[in-house]
C-alpha cells in the first residue's frame, strides 16, 4: 500500500548502440582489438550522453518542458554484458516523455559524439520503442520483501516475549526454578465454574427456543 500510494509509477524507453572506435576502417572485419577499444570507450560515451549539452539539445529537439537538472538522473547508460554495446534508457513518470526523450537522444548523440571524439562513431542497433508497460516500482518484489520483514519482526516479538516472560506456569517450572518438590496442585475452579455456567446458559437457550416452537 505504501508503494502504491507514495511511489509514482515510472515508464522506460531507450535504444541500444554499438561503439565503434574507428570511423575509417581498412577492412570490413572487426578484430578483438577493436572490440576491446570499444569497451574502454563505454564510460566516455556514458559521460557524453549524460552531459548538459547533449541532454539540453535532446530536450529542445523533443520539445519537452523540463530542465537539465530534472532530466539528468532520468537518463541511464549502461553496457550490455561487457560487449561494447551500450543501452541508453530514459525513465520518467510519463511514458510519452520517456519515448520522445529517447528518440531525441538517438538523433542527437551520434552527431555529438563524432564532433567530440575524432575517429569514433556510434551505430544504432535498436531504435526507441513506445511502451506503456510499467517500469517501476516492482509491486510483487516490494510485497515479498514487506512480507519477509513483517514475518521476521513478528518472530522476533514472539521470541522476545517468551524470553522476558518469567511467570511460573506449571509445577515443572516451580521445581526447576526453586528446586522445591510439589506436594499437590489446586485447580483453577473459577475458570471451570465459568465454563459450566456457559454450558448451562447455552442449554437453557436451546430449551427455550424449542419451547417457543412447540
Foldseek 3Di string as FASTA:
>chain_A
DCCVPPPFWKAKKAFKKAKFQAPDDPDPDDDPVRQVVLLVCQVVLQCVLLDQVLQVQLCVVLVHPDHSVVQSVQWDWDDDPSGSMIIIMGMDSDLVVRQSSNQSSVVRSQVVCCVVRPRIGMGTDGGIDRDPDTPDDPVVVVVVVVVVVVVVVVVVVVVVVVVPDPDDDDQVSVCVPPVDDDPDDDDDVVVVVVVVVVVVVVVVVVVVVVVVVD
